[in-house]
Amino acid sequence: MHIKNILISLAIVVLTALVVGYGLETFYPTPDMNRYCDYSKPYQEIINQSICESGGGRWMPQEIQCIKAPCPQGYCDMYYTCNQTYEKSMSNYSKNIFIITTIIGIILLILGSILFNLEVVGAGTMGGGILVILYGAVRYWPNADNLFRFLISLIGLIIIIFLGYLVNNQVIKTKKLKRTKK
């Protein structure tokens, strides 16, 4: 492959990932933390557990020695409840993004390996598919358990080996046809 073709392939990889990433954000936006927690409220020190918890916070106990009174034995995390709700929403969102990007990535890999006979376009499309799958996996990986990570990695490996076989088998057949025509 010539340097121009390599650069075109790299451009296709990057632009494919950008199109998918921005498309997802446009049509399926990331949950906005400000919808869950109101950070516009001015900070006020809460030194009482019951006031903290009645306001949706969580009391974080600490054993401290104070020089002056009052001496709260902890502090209030006022955003605890809303952060928990936000984190759950983000976890679900990341799982959905992972599923969507995996499907899109596999489609791009198949298109790149089978439909595009032009090597530069096929390689770029396949590279874009790999990058899209990687993007989704990185987004969801911290929330996934080890069995899920293992299964996804195994399935990905099987698909890549299968596509590698198809692509190389197709290249061998094309070379044989060219030789027989001469």
Protein backbone atom coordinates (compact mmCIF):
# COMPACT_ATOMS: atom_id res chain seq x y z
CA MET A 1 0.00 0.00 0.00
CA HIS A 2 1.41 3.41 -0.96
CA ILE A 3 1.78 6.24 1.54
CA LYS A 4 -1.22 8.08 0.01
CA ASN A 5 -3.39 5.03 0.49
CA ILE A 6 -2.20 4.60 4.08
CA LEU A 7 -3.09 8.22 4.82
CA ILE A 8 -6.50 7.84 3.19
CA SER A 9 -7.12 4.69 5.24
CA LEU A 10 -6.14 6.51 8.45
CA ALA A 11 -8.44 9.40 7.54
CA ILE A 12 -11.30 6.96 6.99
CA VAL A 13 -10.58 5.35 10.38
CA VAL A 14 -10.60 8.67 12.24
CA LEU A 15 -13.57 10.15 10.41
CA THR A 16 -15.61 6.96 10.83
CA ALA A 17 -15.04 7.05 14.58
CA LEU A 18 -15.87 10.77 14.73
CA VAL A 19 -19.07 10.34 12.70
CA VAL A 20 -20.26 7.51 14.94
CA GLY A 21 -19.23 9.30 18.15
CA TYR A 22 -20.87 12.62 17.25
CA GLY A 23 -23.88 10.83 15.77
CA LEU A 24 -24.42 8.99 19.03
CA GLU A 25 -24.07 12.17 21.05
CA THR A 26 -26.50 13.96 18.72
CA PHE A 27 -29.22 11.30 18.65
CA TYR A 28 -28.57 9.62 22.04
CA PRO A 29 -26.94 12.26 24.26
CA THR A 30 -24.99 11.53 27.43
CA PRO A 31 -27.03 12.07 30.60
CA ASP A 32 -26.48 15.59 31.93
CA MET A 33 -25.31 15.59 35.54
CA ASN A 34 -27.03 18.96 36.11
CA ARG A 35 -30.39 17.25 35.55
CA TYR A 36 -29.68 15.05 38.58
CA CYS A 37 -27.88 17.42 40.97
CA ASP A 38 -28.51 21.11 41.50
CA TYR A 39 -25.04 22.55 41.84
CA SER A 40 -26.33 26.10 41.58
CA LYS A 41 -27.36 26.17 45.24
CA PRO A 42 -24.85 28.02 47.40
CA TYR A 43 -22.80 25.86 49.72
CA GLN A 44 -23.88 25.80 53.31
CA GLU A 45 -22.21 23.87 56.08
CA ILE A 46 -24.52 21.29 57.60
CA ILE A 47 -23.32 19.97 60.95
CA ASN A 48 -26.28 17.74 61.80
CA GLN A 49 -26.96 14.25 60.44
CA SER A 50 -30.76 14.54 60.44
CA ILE A 51 -30.74 17.83 58.51
CA CYS A 52 -28.26 16.36 56.05
CA GLU A 53 -30.29 13.23 55.34
CA SER A 54 -33.61 15.09 55.16
CA GLY A 55 -32.10 17.27 52.43
CA GLY A 56 -31.12 14.22 50.32
CA GLY A 57 -27.52 14.10 51.51
CA ARG A 58 -25.51 11.43 53.27
CA TRP A 59 -23.80 11.94 56.57
CA MET A 60 -20.15 10.90 56.46
CA PRO A 61 -19.04 10.24 60.05
CA GLN A 62 -15.57 11.22 61.17
CA GLU A 63 -13.90 11.12 64.52
CA ILE A 64 -12.19 14.46 64.87
CA GLN A 65 -11.03 16.59 67.75
CA CYS A 66 -12.15 20.20 67.55
CA ILE A 67 -10.66 23.30 69.05
CA LYS A 68 -13.97 25.16 69.13
CA ALA A 69 -17.65 24.30 69.40
CA PRO A 70 -19.82 23.18 67.72
CA CYS A 71 -17.80 20.12 66.78
CA PRO A 72 -19.56 17.98 64.17
CA GLN A 73 -18.34 14.43 64.04
CA GLY A 74 -18.68 14.21 60.31
CA TYR A 75 -19.75 16.13 57.26
CA CYS A 76 -22.69 16.16 54.87
CA ASP A 77 -22.31 15.01 51.30
CA MET A 78 -25.30 16.93 49.95
CA TYR A 79 -24.97 15.43 46.49
CA TYR A 80 -24.79 11.77 47.52
CA THR A 81 -28.33 10.76 46.51
CA CYS A 82 -28.38 12.63 43.23
CA ASN A 83 -24.87 11.34 42.39
CA GLN A 84 -26.03 7.76 42.99
CA THR A 85 -28.96 8.29 40.63
CA TYR A 86 -26.68 9.90 38.04
CA GLU A 87 -24.12 7.07 38.29
CA LYS A 88 -26.85 4.48 37.74
CA SER A 89 -28.10 6.41 34.71
CA MET A 90 -24.55 6.67 33.33
CA SER A 91 -23.98 2.96 33.84
CA ASN A 92 -27.13 2.13 31.85
CA TYR A 93 -26.19 4.68 29.21
CA SER A 94 -22.66 3.26 28.89
CA LYS A 95 -24.04 -0.26 28.50
CA ASN A 96 -26.38 0.92 25.74
CA ILE A 97 -23.52 2.78 24.02
CA PHE A 98 -21.43 -0.37 24.21
CA ILE A 99 -24.17 -2.45 22.58
CA ILE A 100 -24.81 0.16 19.87
CA THR A 101 -21.11 0.68 19.06
CA THR A 102 -20.47 -3.06 18.99
CA ILE A 103 -23.25 -3.56 16.44
CA ILE A 104 -22.07 -0.59 14.34
CA GLY A 105 -18.44 -1.72 14.61
CA ILE A 106 -19.24 -5.27 13.51
CA ILE A 107 -21.26 -3.93 10.56
CA LEU A 108 -18.31 -1.72 9.57
CA LEU A 109 -15.90 -4.66 9.88
CA ILE A 110 -18.11 -6.81 7.68
CA LEU A 111 -18.58 -4.03 5.12
CA GLY A 112 -14.88 -3.30 5.06
CA SER A 113 -13.89 -6.94 4.67
CA ILE A 114 -16.48 -8.15 2.20
CA LEU A 115 -18.10 -5.33 0.26
CA PHE A 116 -15.26 -2.94 -0.43
CA ASN A 117 -12.88 -4.42 -2.97
CA LEU A 118 -10.77 -1.27 -2.91
CA GLU A 119 -8.15 -2.07 -0.28
CA VAL A 120 -7.73 1.48 0.98
CA VAL A 121 -11.46 1.94 1.65
CA GLY A 122 -11.91 -1.54 3.07
CA ALA A 123 -8.95 -1.21 5.42
CA GLY A 124 -10.09 2.23 6.56
CA THR A 125 -13.66 1.06 7.14
CA MET A 126 -12.45 -1.95 9.10
CA GLY A 127 -10.13 0.23 11.15
CA GLY A 128 -13.03 2.58 11.86
CA GLY A 129 -15.11 -0.40 12.98
CA ILE A 130 -12.38 -1.51 15.35
CA LEU A 131 -12.07 2.01 16.78
CA VAL A 132 -15.86 2.27 17.24
CA ILE A 133 -15.96 -1.06 19.09
CA LEU A 134 -13.03 0.03 21.24
CA TYR A 135 -14.79 3.31 22.07
CA GLY A 136 -17.90 1.48 23.29
CA ALA A 137 -15.86 -1.05 25.27
CA VAL A 138 -13.85 1.66 27.01
CA ARG A 139 -17.06 3.50 27.95
CA TYR A 140 -18.65 0.41 29.50
CA TRP A 141 -15.60 -1.53 30.74
CA PRO A 142 -15.52 -0.06 34.30
CA ASN A 143 -19.18 -1.09 34.82
CA ALA A 144 -18.89 -4.62 33.39
CA ASP A 145 -18.14 -7.68 35.47
CA ASN A 146 -15.30 -10.08 34.62
CA LEU A 147 -17.52 -12.72 32.98
CA PHE A 148 -19.01 -10.10 30.66
CA ARG A 149 -15.52 -8.77 29.81
CA PHE A 150 -14.30 -12.28 29.07
CA LEU A 151 -17.28 -13.16 26.86
CA ILE A 152 -17.11 -9.92 24.90
CA SER A 153 -13.36 -10.31 24.39
CA LEU A 154 -13.83 -13.92 23.26
CA ILE A 155 -16.63 -13.03 20.85
CA GLY A 156 -14.57 -10.15 19.47
CA LEU A 157 -11.58 -12.43 18.95
CA ILE A 158 -13.71 -15.03 17.14
CA ILE A 159 -15.23 -12.38 14.85
CA ILE A 160 -11.83 -10.87 14.01
CA ILE A 161 -10.31 -14.29 13.27
CA PHE A 162 -13.31 -15.17 11.07
CA LEU A 163 -13.11 -11.86 9.19
CA GLY A 164 -9.34 -12.25 8.82
CA TYR A 165 -9.92 -15.66 7.29
CA LEU A 166 -12.60 -14.30 4.92
CA VAL A 167 -10.47 -11.36 3.80
CA ASN A 168 -7.36 -13.44 3.20
CA ASN A 169 -9.33 -16.19 1.49
CA GLN A 170 -10.90 -13.55 -0.80
CA VAL A 171 -7.45 -12.10 -1.59
CA ILE A 172 -6.09 -15.55 -2.45
CA LYS A 173 -9.05 -16.26 -4.77
CA THR A 174 -8.62 -12.87 -6.48
CA LYS A 175 -4.91 -13.54 -7.08
CA LYS A 176 -5.65 -16.99 -8.51
CA LEU A 177 -8.26 -15.53 -10.88
CA LYS A 178 -5.78 -12.90 -12.09
CA ARG A 179 -3.17 -15.60 -12.75
CA THR A 180 -5.57 -17.81 -14.71
CA LYS A 181 -6.65 -14.86 -16.91
CA LYS A 182 -3.04 -14.19 -17.98
